[in-house]
Amino acid sequence: MSDVLNNRAHHRYELEVEGYLATEHYKLDGNLITFEHTEVPKELGGKGVGSRLVQGALDQVRASGLKLIPQCPFVKAWIEKHPDYQDLVKV
C-alpha cells in the first residue's frame, strides 16, 4: 500500500498507485498552507485515489499544526463531506 509523501522540493503531496503519481500541489506561507490543485492520472480515475491523497495530505497538515486554505475545488468538496477535517480550514 502506498503512503502519501510530502515532496517539499516540488511543493506537493504525492501518492503513487499502480506506477502512476497523483499529486496535491500547495503553497506554504508560515503556518498557512494553500492546496492549489489536485492531479490524478486518468488511469486512476474512479478508484478513490484523489480521496486517499487528500486525506493523507490533510492528516500531515494536522500533525504539522498548519491551517489550510482549500483553493482547489476537489479539496474543498472533500472537506465538506468530511466534517472532522473542517477544523483545519482557516476562517
N, C-alpha and C. Protein backbone atom coordinates (compact mmCIF):
# COMPACT_ATOMS: atom_id res chain seq x y z
N MET A 1 0.84 -1.19 0.00
CA MET A 1 0.00 0.00 0.00
C MET A 1 0.88 1.25 0.00
N SER A 2 0.54 2.20 -0.84
CA SER A 2 1.31 3.43 -0.95
C SER A 2 0.92 4.41 0.14
N ASP A 3 1.89 5.22 0.52
CA ASP A 3 1.66 6.27 1.51
C ASP A 3 1.80 7.62 0.84
N VAL A 4 1.10 8.61 1.38
CA VAL A 4 1.21 9.98 0.88
C VAL A 4 2.51 10.57 1.41
N LEU A 5 3.30 11.10 0.50
CA LEU A 5 4.59 11.71 0.84
C LEU A 5 4.55 13.20 0.55
N ASN A 6 5.22 13.98 1.39
CA ASN A 6 5.33 15.41 1.17
C ASN A 6 6.64 15.68 0.42
N ASN A 7 6.53 16.03 -0.85
CA ASN A 7 7.71 16.38 -1.65
C ASN A 7 7.90 17.89 -1.53
N ARG A 8 8.61 18.30 -0.51
CA ARG A 8 8.79 19.72 -0.21
C ARG A 8 9.50 20.46 -1.34
N ALA A 9 10.42 19.80 -2.01
CA ALA A 9 11.17 20.45 -3.09
C ALA A 9 10.25 20.87 -4.24
N HIS A 10 9.18 20.10 -4.46
CA HIS A 10 8.24 20.40 -5.55
C HIS A 10 6.92 20.97 -5.04
N HIS A 11 6.83 21.22 -3.73
CA HIS A 11 5.63 21.81 -3.11
C HIS A 11 4.38 21.01 -3.46
N ARG A 12 4.45 19.72 -3.19
CA ARG A 12 3.29 18.87 -3.46
C ARG A 12 3.33 17.62 -2.59
N TYR A 13 2.13 17.12 -2.31
CA TYR A 13 1.99 15.81 -1.70
C TYR A 13 1.84 14.81 -2.84
N GLU A 14 2.37 13.62 -2.65
CA GLU A 14 2.37 12.62 -3.72
C GLU A 14 1.86 11.28 -3.21
N LEU A 15 1.14 10.60 -4.08
CA LEU A 15 0.67 9.24 -3.79
C LEU A 15 0.87 8.42 -5.05
N GLU A 16 1.75 7.42 -4.96
CA GLU A 16 2.00 6.55 -6.12
C GLU A 16 1.11 5.32 -6.01
N VAL A 17 0.38 5.07 -7.10
CA VAL A 17 -0.52 3.92 -7.16
C VAL A 17 -0.39 3.29 -8.54
N GLU A 18 -0.14 2.00 -8.58
CA GLU A 18 -0.05 1.25 -9.84
C GLU A 18 0.93 1.88 -10.83
N GLY A 19 2.00 2.46 -10.31
CA GLY A 19 3.01 3.07 -11.17
C GLY A 19 2.69 4.48 -11.63
N TYR A 20 1.56 5.03 -11.19
CA TYR A 20 1.16 6.39 -11.55
C TYR A 20 1.27 7.28 -10.32
N LEU A 21 1.48 8.59 -10.55
CA LEU A 21 1.67 9.53 -9.46
C LEU A 21 0.52 10.53 -9.41
N ALA A 22 -0.21 10.53 -8.30
CA ALA A 22 -1.25 11.53 -8.03
C ALA A 22 -0.62 12.60 -7.14
N THR A 23 -0.97 13.87 -7.38
CA THR A 23 -0.33 14.95 -6.64
C THR A 23 -1.33 15.99 -6.15
N GLU A 24 -0.98 16.58 -5.02
CA GLU A 24 -1.72 17.71 -4.44
C GLU A 24 -0.72 18.85 -4.31
N HIS A 25 -0.86 19.86 -5.17
CA HIS A 25 0.08 20.99 -5.19
C HIS A 25 -0.33 22.02 -4.15
N TYR A 26 0.67 22.56 -3.47
CA TYR A 26 0.39 23.52 -2.40
C TYR A 26 1.37 24.68 -2.40
N LYS A 27 0.96 25.71 -1.67
CA LYS A 27 1.82 26.87 -1.40
C LYS A 27 1.86 27.02 0.11
N LEU A 28 3.05 27.17 0.67
CA LEU A 28 3.21 27.28 2.11
C LEU A 28 3.67 28.69 2.46
N ASP A 29 2.98 29.31 3.42
CA ASP A 29 3.33 30.66 3.87
C ASP A 29 3.24 30.66 5.40
N GLY A 30 4.37 30.47 6.06
CA GLY A 30 4.38 30.38 7.51
C GLY A 30 3.63 29.14 7.96
N ASN A 31 2.58 29.34 8.78
CA ASN A 31 1.80 28.19 9.26
C ASN A 31 0.49 28.05 8.47
N LEU A 32 0.46 28.63 7.28
CA LEU A 32 -0.72 28.58 6.42
C LEU A 32 -0.37 27.86 5.11
N ILE A 33 -1.13 26.82 4.79
CA ILE A 33 -0.90 26.06 3.57
C ILE A 33 -2.13 26.18 2.67
N THR A 34 -1.89 26.46 1.40
CA THR A 34 -2.96 26.57 0.42
C THR A 34 -2.87 25.39 -0.53
N PHE A 35 -3.92 24.57 -0.57
CA PHE A 35 -3.98 23.47 -1.54
C PHE A 35 -4.53 24.05 -2.84
N GLU A 36 -3.67 24.10 -3.85
CA GLU A 36 -4.00 24.80 -5.09
C GLU A 36 -4.62 23.91 -6.16
N HIS A 37 -4.13 22.69 -6.28
CA HIS A 37 -4.58 21.85 -7.40
C HIS A 37 -4.32 20.38 -7.10
N THR A 38 -5.30 19.55 -7.42
CA THR A 38 -5.16 18.10 -7.28
C THR A 38 -5.08 17.48 -8.67
N GLU A 39 -4.11 16.62 -8.87
CA GLU A 39 -3.96 15.92 -10.16
C GLU A 39 -3.96 14.41 -9.91
N VAL A 40 -4.89 13.73 -10.58
CA VAL A 40 -4.95 12.28 -10.53
C VAL A 40 -4.94 11.78 -11.97
N PRO A 41 -3.97 10.95 -12.35
CA PRO A 41 -3.93 10.44 -13.72
C PRO A 41 -5.24 9.74 -14.09
N LYS A 42 -5.64 9.91 -15.33
CA LYS A 42 -6.91 9.32 -15.79
C LYS A 42 -6.95 7.82 -15.58
N GLU A 43 -5.80 7.17 -15.60
CA GLU A 43 -5.74 5.72 -15.38
C GLU A 43 -6.19 5.33 -13.98
N LEU A 44 -6.15 6.28 -13.05
CA LEU A 44 -6.53 6.01 -11.66
C LEU A 44 -7.91 6.56 -11.32
N GLY A 45 -8.57 7.17 -12.27
CA GLY A 45 -9.87 7.77 -12.04
C GLY A 45 -10.89 6.77 -11.52
N GLY A 46 -11.72 7.21 -10.59
CA GLY A 46 -12.79 6.37 -10.07
C GLY A 46 -12.36 5.32 -9.06
N LYS A 47 -11.09 5.36 -8.63
CA LYS A 47 -10.58 4.35 -7.69
C LYS A 47 -10.38 4.91 -6.28
N GLY A 48 -10.83 6.14 -6.06
CA GLY A 48 -10.68 6.74 -4.74
C GLY A 48 -9.29 7.26 -4.43
N VAL A 49 -8.44 7.35 -5.45
CA VAL A 49 -7.06 7.79 -5.24
C VAL A 49 -7.01 9.25 -4.79
N GLY A 50 -7.83 10.09 -5.42
CA GLY A 50 -7.86 11.50 -5.03
C GLY A 50 -8.24 11.67 -3.57
N SER A 51 -9.22 10.91 -3.13
CA SER A 51 -9.65 10.98 -1.73
C SER A 51 -8.57 10.50 -0.78
N ARG A 52 -7.89 9.41 -1.14
CA ARG A 52 -6.78 8.91 -0.31
C ARG A 52 -5.66 9.94 -0.22
N LEU A 53 -5.38 10.58 -1.36
CA LEU A 53 -4.33 11.60 -1.40
C LEU A 53 -4.68 12.78 -0.50
N VAL A 54 -5.90 13.29 -0.64
CA VAL A 54 -6.32 14.45 0.16
C VAL A 54 -6.33 14.11 1.64
N GLN A 55 -6.88 12.96 2.00
CA GLN A 55 -6.93 12.59 3.42
C GLN A 55 -5.52 12.45 3.99
N GLY A 56 -4.63 11.79 3.27
CA GLY A 56 -3.26 11.64 3.75
C GLY A 56 -2.54 12.97 3.89
N ALA A 57 -2.77 13.87 2.94
CA ALA A 57 -2.15 15.20 3.00
C ALA A 57 -2.72 15.99 4.18
N LEU A 58 -4.03 15.93 4.36
CA LEU A 58 -4.65 16.67 5.47
C LEU A 58 -4.22 16.11 6.82
N ASP A 59 -4.01 14.83 6.91
CA ASP A 59 -3.51 14.25 8.16
C ASP A 59 -2.13 14.83 8.49
N GLN A 60 -1.31 15.02 7.47
CA GLN A 60 0.01 15.61 7.68
C GLN A 60 -0.08 17.09 8.02
N VAL A 61 -1.03 17.79 7.40
CA VAL A 61 -1.27 19.20 7.73
C VAL A 61 -1.63 19.32 9.21
N ARG A 62 -2.54 18.46 9.66
CA ARG A 62 -2.95 18.48 11.08
C ARG A 62 -1.76 18.19 11.99
N ALA A 63 -0.98 17.17 11.66
CA ALA A 63 0.16 16.79 12.50
C ALA A 63 1.21 17.91 12.58
N SER A 64 1.27 18.73 11.53
CA SER A 64 2.24 19.83 11.50
C SER A 64 1.71 21.10 12.15
N GLY A 65 0.43 21.10 12.54
CA GLY A 65 -0.14 22.27 13.19
C GLY A 65 -0.43 23.42 12.24
N LEU A 66 -0.63 23.11 10.95
CA LEU A 66 -0.88 24.15 9.95
C LEU A 66 -2.38 24.41 9.82
N LYS A 67 -2.70 25.57 9.26
CA LYS A 67 -4.07 25.90 8.87
C LYS A 67 -4.13 25.87 7.35
N LEU A 68 -5.31 25.57 6.82
CA LEU A 68 -5.48 25.30 5.40
C LEU A 68 -6.39 26.31 4.71
N ILE A 69 -6.01 26.68 3.48
CA ILE A 69 -6.90 27.37 2.56
C ILE A 69 -7.16 26.39 1.42
N PRO A 70 -8.39 25.84 1.32
CA PRO A 70 -8.70 24.86 0.28
C PRO A 70 -9.10 25.55 -1.03
N GLN A 71 -8.13 26.05 -1.76
CA GLN A 71 -8.38 26.74 -3.03
C GLN A 71 -8.86 25.76 -4.10
N CYS A 72 -8.36 24.54 -4.06
CA CYS A 72 -8.74 23.50 -5.03
C CYS A 72 -10.18 23.06 -4.78
N PRO A 73 -11.03 23.08 -5.82
CA PRO A 73 -12.43 22.67 -5.65
C PRO A 73 -12.59 21.24 -5.16
N PHE A 74 -11.72 20.32 -5.59
CA PHE A 74 -11.81 18.94 -5.14
C PHE A 74 -11.58 18.85 -3.63
N VAL A 75 -10.57 19.55 -3.14
CA VAL A 75 -10.26 19.53 -1.70
C VAL A 75 -11.40 20.17 -0.91
N LYS A 76 -11.90 21.29 -1.40
CA LYS A 76 -12.99 21.98 -0.72
C LYS A 76 -14.21 21.06 -0.60
N ALA A 77 -14.57 20.38 -1.68
CA ALA A 77 -15.71 19.47 -1.67
C ALA A 77 -15.45 18.28 -0.74
N TRP A 78 -14.22 17.77 -0.73
CA TRP A 78 -13.88 16.63 0.12
C TRP A 78 -14.05 17.01 1.59
N ILE A 79 -13.57 18.19 1.96
CA ILE A 79 -13.68 18.63 3.35
C ILE A 79 -15.15 18.82 3.75
N GLU A 80 -15.96 19.31 2.83
CA GLU A 80 -17.39 19.48 3.12
C GLU A 80 -18.06 18.14 3.42
N LYS A 81 -17.56 17.07 2.81
CA LYS A 81 -18.11 15.73 3.04
C LYS A 81 -17.52 15.06 4.27
N HIS A 82 -16.45 15.61 4.81
CA HIS A 82 -15.75 15.03 5.96
C HIS A 82 -15.57 16.10 7.03
N PRO A 83 -16.63 16.36 7.81
CA PRO A 83 -16.60 17.47 8.77
C PRO A 83 -15.51 17.37 9.83
N ASP A 84 -14.97 16.18 10.06
CA ASP A 84 -13.90 16.04 11.05
C ASP A 84 -12.60 16.71 10.60
N TYR A 85 -12.55 17.20 9.36
CA TYR A 85 -11.37 17.91 8.85
C TYR A 85 -11.62 19.41 8.72
N GLN A 86 -12.83 19.86 9.00
CA GLN A 86 -13.17 21.28 8.82
C GLN A 86 -12.42 22.19 9.79
N ASP A 87 -11.95 21.66 10.91
CA ASP A 87 -11.20 22.48 11.86
C ASP A 87 -9.86 22.93 11.29
N LEU A 88 -9.40 22.31 10.22
CA LEU A 88 -8.13 22.71 9.61
C LEU A 88 -8.25 23.97 8.76
N VAL A 89 -9.47 24.27 8.33
CA VAL A 89 -9.68 25.38 7.41
C VAL A 89 -9.56 26.72 8.14
N LYS A 90 -8.75 27.59 7.55
CA LYS A 90 -8.57 28.94 8.11
C LYS A 90 -9.86 29.72 7.92
N VAL A 91 -10.31 30.35 9.00
CA VAL A 91 -11.55 31.14 8.93
C VAL A 91 -11.26 32.61 8.82
